[in-house]
C-alpha atoms as a PDB file:
ATOM      1  CA  MET A   1    -104.971 -83.072   4.295  1.00  0.00           C
ATOM      2  CA  LYS A   2    -106.113 -81.427   1.414  1.00  0.00           C
ATOM      3  CA  ILE A   3    -104.715 -77.949   0.987  1.00  0.00           C
ATOM      4  CA  GLY A   4    -106.253 -75.118  -0.941  1.00  0.00           C
ATOM      5  CA  PHE A   5    -104.443 -71.927  -1.825  1.00  0.00           C
ATOM      6  CA  ILE A   6    -106.053 -68.691  -2.965  1.00  0.00           C
ATOM      7  CA  GLY A   7    -103.751 -65.977  -4.708  1.00  0.00           C
ATOM      8  CA  LEU A   8    -101.106 -67.068  -7.137  1.00  0.00           C
ATOM      9  CA  GLY A   9     -99.110 -63.727  -7.593  1.00  0.00           C
ATOM     10  CA  ILE A  10     -95.666 -62.714  -7.610  1.00  0.00           C
ATOM     11  CA  MET A  11     -95.151 -64.648  -4.076  1.00  0.00           C
ATOM     12  CA  GLY A  12     -98.152 -66.803  -3.921  1.00  0.00           C
ATOM     13  CA  GLU A  13     -97.258 -68.847  -7.011  1.00  0.00           C
ATOM     14  CA  PRO A  14     -93.925 -69.979  -5.957  1.00  0.00           C
ATOM     15  CA  MET A  15     -94.954 -70.691  -2.520  1.00  0.00           C
ATOM     16  CA  CYS A  16     -97.789 -72.746  -3.674  1.00  0.00           C
ATOM     17  CA  GLU A  17     -95.692 -74.561  -6.135  1.00  0.00           C
ATOM     18  CA  ASN A  18     -93.519 -75.605  -3.034  1.00  0.00           C
ATOM     19  CA  ILE A  19     -96.320 -77.115  -1.472  1.00  0.00           C
ATOM     20  CA  ILE A  20     -97.400 -79.112  -4.509  1.00  0.00           C
ATOM     21  CA  ARG A  21     -93.735 -80.409  -4.860  1.00  0.00           C
ATOM     22  CA  LYS A  22     -93.821 -81.617  -1.252  1.00  0.00           C
ATOM     23  CA  HIS A  23     -97.171 -82.488  -0.139  1.00  0.00           C
ATOM     24  CA  ASP A  24     -98.394 -85.969  -0.489  1.00  0.00           C
ATOM     25  CA  ASP A  25    -102.007 -85.188  -0.903  1.00  0.00           C
ATOM     26  CA  MET A  26    -104.048 -82.917  -3.130  1.00  0.00           C
ATOM     27  CA  VAL A  27    -103.525 -79.217  -3.565  1.00  0.00           C
ATOM     28  CA  TYR A  28    -106.386 -76.905  -4.828  1.00  0.00           C
ATOM     29  CA  VAL A  29    -105.560 -73.605  -6.183  1.00  0.00           C
ATOM     30  CA  TYR A  30    -107.634 -70.533  -6.872  1.00  0.00           C
ATOM     31  CA  ASP A  31    -106.906 -66.775  -8.640  1.00  0.00           C
ATOM     32  CA  VAL A  32    -108.832 -64.427 -10.412  1.00  0.00           C
ATOM     33  CA  VAL A  33    -106.608 -64.982 -13.422  1.00  0.00           C
ATOM     34  CA  GLU A  34    -107.296 -68.080 -14.986  1.00  0.00           C
ATOM     35  CA  GLU A  35    -103.645 -68.372 -16.703  1.00  0.00           C
ATOM     36  CA  LYS A  36    -102.309 -68.277 -13.308  1.00  0.00           C
ATOM     37  CA  VAL A  37    -104.172 -71.292 -12.163  1.00  0.00           C
ATOM     38  CA  GLN A  38    -103.530 -73.231 -15.376  1.00  0.00           C
ATOM     39  CA  GLN A  39     -99.761 -72.530 -14.764  1.00  0.00           C
ATOM     40  CA  LEU A  40     -99.932 -74.444 -11.371  1.00  0.00           C
ATOM     41  CA  VAL A  41    -102.274 -77.122 -12.493  1.00  0.00           C
ATOM     42  CA  GLN A  42     -99.444 -78.090 -15.162  1.00  0.00           C
ATOM     43  CA  LYS A  43     -97.114 -78.464 -12.034  1.00  0.00           C
ATOM     44  CA  GLY A  44     -99.819 -81.046 -10.605  1.00  0.00           C
ATOM     45  CA  ALA A  45    -102.465 -78.989  -8.825  1.00  0.00           C
ATOM     46  CA  GLU A  46    -106.083 -79.123  -9.330  1.00  0.00           C
ATOM     47  CA  GLY A  47    -107.687 -75.793 -10.432  1.00  0.00           C
ATOM     48  CA  CYS A  48    -110.943 -74.429  -9.092  1.00  0.00           C
ATOM     49  CA  LYS A  49    -113.265 -72.199 -10.535  1.00  0.00           C
ATOM     50  CA  SER A  50    -114.236 -70.191  -7.344  1.00  0.00           C
ATOM     51  CA  ALA A  51    -112.701 -69.371  -3.953  1.00  0.00           C
ATOM     52  CA  VAL A  52    -116.039 -71.121  -2.754  1.00  0.00           C
ATOM     53  CA  GLU A  53    -115.349 -74.334  -4.495  1.00  0.00           C
ATOM     54  CA  LEU A  54    -111.737 -74.317  -3.288  1.00  0.00           C
ATOM     55  CA  ALA A  55    -112.769 -73.833   0.345  1.00  0.00           C
ATOM     56  CA  GLU A  56    -115.444 -76.748  -0.077  1.00  0.00           C
ATOM     57  CA  LYS A  57    -112.958 -79.322  -1.233  1.00  0.00           C
ATOM     58  CA  SER A  58    -110.024 -78.276   1.337  1.00  0.00           C
ATOM     59  CA  ASP A  59    -109.074 -79.162   5.017  1.00  0.00           C
ATOM     60  CA  LEU A  60    -106.520 -76.369   5.159  1.00  0.00           C
ATOM     61  CA  ILE A  61    -107.397 -72.997   3.266  1.00  0.00           C
ATOM     62  CA  ILE A  62    -104.252 -70.631   2.636  1.00  0.00           C
ATOM     63  CA  SER A  63    -104.843 -67.021   1.360  1.00  0.00           C
ATOM     64  CA  MET A  64    -102.012 -64.897  -0.193  1.00  0.00           C
ATOM     65  CA  VAL A  65    -103.993 -61.501  -1.792  1.00  0.00           C
ATOM     66  CA  PRO A  66    -102.695 -58.095  -1.654  1.00  0.00           C
ATOM     67  CA  LYS A  67    -104.759 -55.790   0.462  1.00  0.00           C
ATOM     68  CA  SER A  68    -107.123 -55.741   3.276  1.00  0.00           C
ATOM     69  CA  GLU A  69    -110.127 -55.338   1.072  1.00  0.00           C
ATOM     70  CA  HIS A  70    -109.097 -58.609  -0.936  1.00  0.00           C
ATOM     71  CA  VAL A  71    -108.805 -60.714   2.307  1.00  0.00           C
ATOM     72  CA  ARG A  72    -112.289 -59.272   3.395  1.00  0.00           C
ATOM     73  CA  ALA A  73    -113.813 -60.194   0.050  1.00  0.00           C
ATOM     74  CA  VAL A  74    -112.313 -63.905  -0.179  1.00  0.00           C
ATOM     75  CA  TYR A  75    -113.287 -64.824   3.678  1.00  0.00           C
ATOM     76  CA  HIS A  76    -116.931 -63.215   2.622  1.00  0.00           C
ATOM     77  CA  GLN A  77    -117.161 -65.348  -0.010  1.00  0.00           C
ATOM     78  CA  ILE A  78    -116.050 -68.682   1.861  1.00  0.00           C
ATOM     79  CA  ILE A  79    -117.452 -68.358   5.244  1.00  0.00           C
ATOM     80  CA  SER A  80    -120.763 -70.279   4.422  1.00  0.00           C
ATOM     81  CA  VAL A  81    -118.788 -73.377   3.688  1.00  0.00           C
ATOM     82  CA  LEU A  82    -116.184 -73.271   6.562  1.00  0.00           C
ATOM     83  CA  ASP A  83    -116.993 -75.185   9.696  1.00  0.00           C
ATOM     84  CA  LYS A  84    -115.226 -76.919  12.449  1.00  0.00           C
ATOM     85  CA  THR A  85    -113.192 -79.341  10.143  1.00  0.00           C
ATOM     86  CA  LYS A  86    -111.429 -76.447   8.249  1.00  0.00           C
ATOM     87  CA  VAL A  87    -108.259 -74.500   9.293  1.00  0.00           C
ATOM     88  CA  CYS A  88    -107.438 -71.097   7.445  1.00  0.00           C
ATOM     89  CA  ILE A  89    -104.143 -69.487   7.006  1.00  0.00           C
ATOM     90  CA  ASP A  90    -103.933 -65.797   5.580  1.00  0.00           C
ATOM     91  CA  MET A  91    -100.218 -65.285   4.335  1.00  0.00           C
ATOM     92  CA  SER A  92    -101.100 -61.513   3.206  1.00  0.00           C
ATOM     93  CA  THR A  93     -99.770 -58.620   4.692  1.00  0.00           C
ATOM     94  CA  ILE A  94    -102.763 -56.242   5.601  1.00  0.00           C
ATOM     95  CA  ASP A  95    -103.997 -54.159   8.396  1.00  0.00           C
ATOM     96  CA  PRO A  96    -103.927 -56.100  11.737  1.00  0.00           C
ATOM     97  CA  ALA A  97    -107.076 -54.849  12.678  1.00  0.00           C
ATOM     98  CA  VAL A  98    -108.750 -56.313   9.742  1.00  0.00           C
ATOM     99  CA  SER A  99    -107.060 -59.550  10.119  1.00  0.00           C
ATOM    100  CA  ILE A 100    -108.209 -59.708  13.860  1.00  0.00           C
ATOM    101  CA  GLU A 101    -111.832 -59.099  12.388  1.00  0.00           C
ATOM    102  CA  VAL A 102    -111.687 -61.657   9.963  1.00  0.00           C
ATOM    103  CA  ALA A 103    -110.126 -64.276  12.186  1.00  0.00           C
ATOM    104  CA  GLY A 104    -113.293 -63.718  14.728  1.00  0.00           C
ATOM    105  CA  GLN A 105    -115.829 -64.188  11.738  1.00  0.00           C
ATOM    106  CA  VAL A 106    -113.988 -67.415  10.788  1.00  0.00           C
ATOM    107  CA  LYS A 107    -113.972 -68.848  14.380  1.00  0.00           C
ATOM    108  CA  GLU A 108    -117.664 -68.139  14.533  1.00  0.00           C
ATOM    109  CA  THR A 109    -118.038 -71.034  12.123  1.00  0.00           C
ATOM    110  CA  GLY A 110    -115.896 -73.529  14.311  1.00  0.00           C
ATOM    111  CA  ALA A 111    -113.121 -73.184  11.937  1.00  0.00           C
ATOM    112  CA  GLN A 112    -109.661 -72.245  12.940  1.00  0.00           C
ATOM    113  CA  PHE A 113    -107.624 -69.053  11.799  1.00  0.00           C
ATOM    114  CA  ALA A 114    -103.964 -67.865  11.710  1.00  0.00           C
ATOM    115  CA  ASP A 115    -102.257 -65.267  10.124  1.00  0.00           C
ATOM    116  CA  ALA A 116     -98.771 -65.902   8.719  1.00  0.00           C
ATOM    117  CA  PRO A 117     -97.117 -63.217   6.678  1.00  0.00           C
ATOM    118  CA  VAL A 118     -93.904 -63.770   5.199  1.00  0.00           C
ATOM    119  CA  VAL A 119     -90.602 -61.999   4.818  1.00  0.00           C
ATOM    120  CA  LYS A 120     -87.903 -61.743   2.207  1.00  0.00           C
ATOM    121  CA  SER A 121     -88.727 -61.754  -1.633  1.00  0.00           C
ATOM    122  CA  LYS A 122     -89.510 -63.909  -4.452  1.00  0.00           C
ATOM    123  CA  PRO A 123     -86.052 -65.711  -4.478  1.00  0.00           C
ATOM    124  CA  ALA A 124     -86.566 -66.850  -1.062  1.00  0.00           C
ATOM    125  CA  ALA A 125     -90.214 -67.882  -1.935  1.00  0.00           C
ATOM    126  CA  VAL A 126     -88.868 -69.755  -4.786  1.00  0.00           C
ATOM    127  CA  ALA A 127     -86.132 -71.546  -2.789  1.00  0.00           C
ATOM    128  CA  GLY A 128     -88.729 -72.406   0.146  1.00  0.00           C
ATOM    129  CA  LYS A 129     -86.648 -70.078   2.531  1.00  0.00           C
ATOM    130  CA  LEU A 130     -88.883 -67.439   3.396  1.00  0.00           C
ATOM    131  CA  GLY A 131     -89.405 -66.162   7.252  1.00  0.00           C
ATOM    132  CA  ILE A 132     -92.870 -66.345   8.570  1.00  0.00           C
ATOM    133  CA  TYR A 133     -94.535 -64.802  11.475  1.00  0.00           C
ATOM    134  CA  VAL A 134     -97.511 -66.509  12.921  1.00  0.00           C
ATOM    135  CA  GLY A 135    -100.289 -65.008  14.889  1.00  0.00           C
ATOM    136  CA  GLY A 136    -103.105 -67.454  16.595  1.00  0.00           C
ATOM    137  CA  GLU A 137    -103.721 -70.059  18.906  1.00  0.00           C
ATOM    138  CA  GLN A 138    -100.508 -72.145  20.122  1.00  0.00           C
ATOM    139  CA  GLU A 139    -102.367 -75.447  18.874  1.00  0.00           C
ATOM    140  CA  VAL A 140    -103.145 -73.842  15.676  1.00  0.00           C
ATOM    141  CA  TYR A 141     -99.429 -72.631  15.205  1.00  0.00           C
ATOM    142  CA  GLU A 142     -98.359 -76.384  15.968  1.00  0.00           C
ATOM    143  CA  GLN A 143    -100.990 -77.853  13.446  1.00  0.00           C
ATOM    144  CA  VAL A 144    -100.158 -75.824  10.328  1.00  0.00           C
ATOM    145  CA  LYS A 145     -96.339 -75.568  11.094  1.00  0.00           C
ATOM    146  CA  PRO A 146     -95.390 -78.360   8.953  1.00  0.00           C
ATOM    147  CA  ILE A 147     -97.361 -76.911   6.221  1.00  0.00           C
ATOM    148  CA  LEU A 148     -95.603 -73.625   6.566  1.00  0.00           C
ATOM    149  CA  SER A 149     -92.103 -75.171   6.648  1.00  0.00           C
ATOM    150  CA  TYR A 150     -93.096 -76.222   3.088  1.00  0.00           C
ATOM    151  CA  MET A 151     -92.367 -72.406   2.138  1.00  0.00           C
ATOM    152  CA  GLY A 152     -90.048 -71.172   4.867  1.00  0.00           C
ATOM    153  CA  GLU A 153     -87.270 -72.292   6.923  1.00  0.00           C
ATOM    154  CA  ASN A 154     -87.652 -69.742   9.842  1.00  0.00           C
ATOM    155  CA  ILE A 155     -91.054 -70.099  11.313  1.00  0.00           C
ATOM    156  CA  ILE A 156     -91.962 -68.055  14.799  1.00  0.00           C
ATOM    157  CA  HIS A 157     -95.126 -67.978  16.714  1.00  0.00           C
ATOM    158  CA  MET A 158     -95.610 -64.163  17.621  1.00  0.00           C
ATOM    159  CA  GLY A 159     -98.756 -64.703  19.767  1.00  0.00           C
ATOM    160  CA  GLY A 160    -102.430 -64.433  19.325  1.00  0.00           C
ATOM    161  CA  ASN A 161    -104.263 -63.339  16.073  1.00  0.00           C
ATOM    162  CA  GLY A 162    -102.669 -60.305  14.408  1.00  0.00           C
ATOM    163  CA  LYS A 163     -99.423 -60.570  16.309  1.00  0.00           C
ATOM    164  CA  GLY A 164     -97.711 -62.063  13.216  1.00  0.00           C
ATOM    165  CA  LEU A 165     -99.015 -59.096  11.027  1.00  0.00           C
ATOM    166  CA  VAL A 166     -97.824 -56.583  13.674  1.00  0.00           C
ATOM    167  CA  MET A 167     -94.392 -58.108  13.574  1.00  0.00           C
ATOM    168  CA  LYS A 168     -94.351 -58.132   9.733  1.00  0.00           C
ATOM    169  CA  ILE A 169     -95.212 -54.406   9.653  1.00  0.00           C
ATOM    170  CA  CYS A 170     -92.513 -53.497  12.471  1.00  0.00           C
ATOM    171  CA  HIS A 171     -90.014 -55.757  10.161  1.00  0.00           C
ATOM    172  CA  ASN A 172     -90.831 -53.792   6.916  1.00  0.00           C
ATOM    173  CA  ALA A 173     -90.664 -50.706   8.694  1.00  0.00           C
ATOM    174  CA  LEU A 174     -87.147 -51.165   9.833  1.00  0.00           C
ATOM    175  CA  VAL A 175     -86.140 -52.510   6.356  1.00  0.00           C
ATOM    176  CA  SER A 176     -87.653 -49.198   4.725  1.00  0.00           C
ATOM    177  CA  GLN A 177     -85.694 -47.158   7.323  1.00  0.00           C
ATOM    178  CA  ILE A 178     -82.605 -48.931   6.531  1.00  0.00           C
ATOM    179  CA  GLN A 179     -83.169 -48.901   2.904  1.00  0.00           C
ATOM    180  CA  ASN A 180     -83.345 -44.816   3.087  1.00  0.00           C
ATOM    181  CA  GLY A 181     -80.237 -44.421   4.968  1.00  0.00           C
ATOM    182  CA  VAL A 182     -78.539 -46.850   2.395  1.00  0.00           C
ATOM    183  CA  ASN A 183     -80.118 -44.528  -0.274  1.00  0.00           C
ATOM    184  CA  GLU A 184     -78.892 -41.310   1.365  1.00  0.00           C
ATOM    185  CA  THR A 185     -75.582 -42.444   2.380  1.00  0.00           C
ATOM    186  CA  LEU A 186     -74.605 -43.943  -0.475  1.00  0.00           C
ATOM    187  CA  HIS A 187     -75.542 -40.955  -2.602  1.00  0.00           C
ATOM    188  CA  LEU A 188     -73.187 -38.881  -0.688  1.00  0.00           C
ATOM    189  CA  ALA A 189     -70.398 -41.106  -0.892  1.00  0.00           C
ATOM    190  CA  LYS A 190     -70.992 -41.003  -4.522  1.00  0.00           C
ATOM    191  CA  MET A 191     -70.872 -37.195  -4.750  1.00  0.00           C
ATOM    192  CA  ASN A 192     -67.752 -37.568  -3.074  1.00  0.00           C
ATOM    193  CA  GLY A 193     -65.983 -39.851  -5.418  1.00  0.00           C
ATOM    194  CA  ILE A 194     -66.910 -43.291  -3.597  1.00  0.00           C
ATOM    195  CA  ASP A 195     -68.782 -45.911  -5.988  1.00  0.00           C
ATOM    196  CA  ILE A 196     -71.138 -48.187  -4.778  1.00  0.00           C
ATOM    197  CA  GLN A 197     -68.898 -51.404  -4.685  1.00  0.00           C
ATOM    198  CA  GLU A 198     -66.369 -49.485  -2.471  1.00  0.00           C
ATOM    199  CA  PHE A 199     -68.894 -48.051  -0.208  1.00  0.00           C
ATOM    200  CA  ALA A 200     -70.313 -51.644   0.057  1.00  0.00           C
ATOM    201  CA  LYS A 201     -67.256 -53.252   0.827  1.00  0.00           C
ATOM    202  CA  ALA A 202     -66.205 -50.636   3.484  1.00  0.00           C
ATOM    203  CA  VAL A 203     -69.549 -50.837   5.041  1.00  0.00           C
ATOM    204  CA  SER A 204     -69.059 -54.503   5.548  1.00  0.00           C
ATOM    205  CA  TYR A 205     -66.021 -53.853   7.734  1.00  0.00           C
ATOM    206  CA  GLY A 206     -68.204 -51.991  10.227  1.00  0.00           C
ATOM    207  CA  GLY A 207     -71.407 -51.949  12.238  1.00  0.00           C
ATOM    208  CA  GLY A 208     -73.255 -50.556   9.311  1.00  0.00           C
ATOM    209  CA  GLN A 209     -73.528 -53.858   6.987  1.00  0.00           C
ATOM    210  CA  ASN A 210     -76.803 -55.001   6.248  1.00  0.00           C
ATOM    211  CA  PHE A 211     -78.841 -57.297   4.120  1.00  0.00           C
ATOM    212  CA  TYR A 212     -80.579 -54.662   1.986  1.00  0.00           C
ATOM    213  CA  LEU A 213     -77.090 -53.077   0.923  1.00  0.00           C
ATOM    214  CA  ASP A 214     -75.394 -56.612   0.401  1.00  0.00           C
ATOM    215  CA  SER A 215     -78.336 -57.718  -1.728  1.00  0.00           C
ATOM    216  CA  LYS A 216     -79.058 -54.802  -3.617  1.00  0.00           C
ATOM    217  CA  LYS A 217     -75.867 -53.144  -4.447  1.00  0.00           C
ATOM    218  CA  ASP A 218     -75.577 -54.660  -7.620  1.00  0.00           C
ATOM    219  CA  VAL A 219     -79.019 -53.668  -8.850  1.00  0.00           C
ATOM    220  CA  ILE A 220     -78.423 -50.286  -8.208  1.00  0.00           C
ATOM    221  CA  GLU A 221     -75.272 -50.063  -9.715  1.00  0.00           C
ATOM    222  CA  LYS A 222     -76.891 -51.684 -12.950  1.00  0.00           C
ATOM    223  CA  LYS A 223     -80.247 -49.567 -12.655  1.00  0.00           C
ATOM    224  CA  ASP A 224     -81.869 -52.987 -13.428  1.00  0.00           C
ATOM    225  CA  TYR A 225     -84.916 -52.572 -11.065  1.00  0.00           C
ATOM    226  CA  GLU A 226     -86.752 -55.852 -12.383  1.00  0.00           C
ATOM    227  CA  THR A 227     -89.438 -56.620  -9.360  1.00  0.00           C
ATOM    228  CA  ALA A 228     -88.638 -58.887  -6.587  1.00  0.00           C
ATOM    229  CA  PHE A 229     -90.751 -56.526  -4.273  1.00  0.00           C
ATOM    230  CA  SER A 230     -92.685 -53.849  -5.642  1.00  0.00           C
ATOM    231  CA  VAL A 231     -92.865 -50.408  -4.759  1.00  0.00           C
ATOM    232  CA  GLU A 232     -96.282 -50.736  -4.683  1.00  0.00           C
ATOM    233  CA  ASN A 233     -96.230 -53.593  -2.202  1.00  0.00           C
ATOM    234  CA  MET A 234     -93.806 -51.674   0.140  1.00  0.00           C
ATOM    235  CA  ALA A 235     -95.625 -48.479  -0.182  1.00  0.00           C
ATOM    236  CA  LYS A 236     -98.680 -50.450   1.075  1.00  0.00           C
ATOM    237  CA  ASP A 237     -96.600 -51.769   3.842  1.00  0.00           C
ATOM    238  CA  VAL A 238     -95.395 -48.480   4.748  1.00  0.00           C
ATOM    239  CA  GLY A 239     -99.021 -47.007   4.887  1.00  0.00           C
ATOM    240  CA  ILE A 240    -100.032 -49.773   7.206  1.00  0.00           C
ATOM    241  CA  CYS A 241     -97.315 -49.004   9.633  1.00  0.00           C
ATOM    242  CA  MET A 242     -98.319 -45.424   9.813  1.00  0.00           C
ATOM    243  CA  ASN A 243    -101.679 -46.200  10.362  1.00  0.00           C
ATOM    244  CA  LEU A 244    -100.721 -48.681  13.263  1.00  0.00           C
ATOM    245  CA  ALA A 245     -98.388 -46.215  14.694  1.00  0.00           C
ATOM    246  CA  LYS A 246    -101.368 -43.751  14.760  1.00  0.00           C
ATOM    247  CA  GLU A 247    -103.525 -46.280  16.436  1.00  0.00           C
ATOM    248  CA  SER A 248    -100.714 -46.893  19.114  1.00  0.00           C
ATOM    249  CA  GLY A 249    -100.500 -42.818  19.901  1.00  0.00           C
ATOM    250  CA  PHE A 250     -96.918 -42.925  18.789  1.00  0.00           C
ATOM    251  CA  SER A 251     -95.115 -41.039  16.448  1.00  0.00           C
ATOM    252  CA  MET A 252     -92.472 -42.332  13.887  1.00  0.00           C
ATOM    253  CA  PRO A 253     -90.931 -39.329  11.905  1.00  0.00           C
ATOM    254  CA  GLY A 254     -88.519 -41.627  10.320  1.00  0.00           C
ATOM    255  CA  GLU A 255     -91.519 -43.615   8.406  1.00  0.00           C
ATOM    256  CA  GLU A 256     -92.965 -40.575   7.975  1.00  0.00           C
ATOM    257  CA  ASN A 257     -90.098 -39.635   5.675  1.00  0.00           C
ATOM    258  CA  VAL A 258     -89.970 -42.902   4.067  1.00  0.00           C
ATOM    259  CA  ALA A 259     -93.638 -42.517   3.230  1.00  0.00           C
ATOM    260  CA  ASN A 260     -93.083 -39.462   1.637  1.00  0.00           C
ATOM    261  CA  ILE A 261     -90.207 -40.917  -0.628  1.00  0.00           C
ATOM    262  CA  TYR A 262     -92.602 -44.128  -1.683  1.00  0.00           C
ATOM    263  CA  ASP A 263     -95.468 -41.219  -2.172  1.00  0.00           C
ATOM    264  CA  LYS A 264     -93.066 -39.776  -4.809  1.00  0.00           C
ATOM    265  CA  ALA A 265     -92.255 -43.129  -6.438  1.00  0.00           C
ATOM    266  CA  LEU A 266     -95.822 -44.140  -6.930  1.00  0.00           C
ATOM    267  CA  LYS A 267     -96.401 -40.775  -8.466  1.00  0.00           C
ATOM    268  CA  GLN A 268     -93.792 -40.953 -10.832  1.00  0.00           C
ATOM    269  CA  GLY A 269     -95.097 -44.403 -12.006  1.00  0.00           C
ATOM    270  CA  TYR A 270     -92.652 -46.460 -10.493  1.00  0.00           C
ATOM    271  CA  GLY A 271     -95.300 -48.725  -8.551  1.00  0.00           C
ATOM    272  CA  ASN A 272     -94.565 -51.771 -10.371  1.00  0.00           C
ATOM    273  CA  LYS A 273     -90.662 -51.649 -10.270  1.00  0.00           C
ATOM    274  CA  ASP A 274     -88.506 -53.081  -7.422  1.00  0.00           C
ATOM    275  CA  PHE A 275     -88.284 -51.167  -4.001  1.00  0.00           C
ATOM    276  CA  SER A 276     -84.964 -50.426  -4.591  1.00  0.00           C
ATOM    277  CA  VAL A 277     -85.719 -47.923  -7.244  1.00  0.00           C
ATOM    278  CA  THR A 278     -86.269 -45.301  -4.365  1.00  0.00           C
ATOM    279  CA  TYR A 279     -82.407 -44.913  -4.853  1.00  0.00           C
ATOM    280  CA  GLU A 280     -83.372 -43.018  -7.630  1.00  0.00           C
ATOM    281  CA  ILE A 281     -86.047 -40.741  -5.938  1.00  0.00           C
ATOM    282  CA  VAL A 282     -83.679 -39.790  -3.166  1.00  0.00           C
ATOM    283  CA  GLY A 283     -81.089 -38.614  -5.497  1.00  0.00           C
ATOM    284  CA  GLU A 284     -83.109 -36.374  -7.111  1.00  0.00           C
END
């Protein structure tokens, strides 16, 4: 099976590298930034000049691009070369409604389509230990799971098209609210003479222990906000959550508060920083 990978950004590049190392057939790559393509060509992939060229050569096409409009653009470009011999997996985090729309267009060609967004950040992508939520038909899930296993160790089928994305958005909304709770309580503890390491240790003794605090306490203490998962990307996911809640007729005041924090972070120029920099915003 020949695999094509479109989108070689912070997450896409290490995800694709895992496929190159573990797959026993050709892997084609494409990104709008030629330098990113050449980096993976040096790792053993074959570069393509366009998404269309990649789709023509590939049996399985994986896309990992930033936003809904980018997913629409990719599939608009390649739709004419899709047919019943091809399977498409979009691993981007986008609006579920847009993914369902694209799935319908792809299926009209005879090709199969699944959404398979990922959770965790770059270190897990490098290690091939991402969590992956899949939306699509059961038989498609079974077909693509071995390929997804190159990139992740926890893979779960959530239901039909769009359901992987619904789960991803709910997951990240929960992370964002845990993060905000950590930010607020950590500031309160610090104001009353408790430092971050003692705070994290004490929290680990009770029901408040969480992965976010455990993994980010050193980053926050050192104020070293090198990007593993950017403010811009989390702000996008929070926005998708708010849209999904509105479409569902459901109020999420906790997430609305988080959205305000991320809006401030973007306005202050923190978009490319790691999302843990929101600790600084909450403390203002």
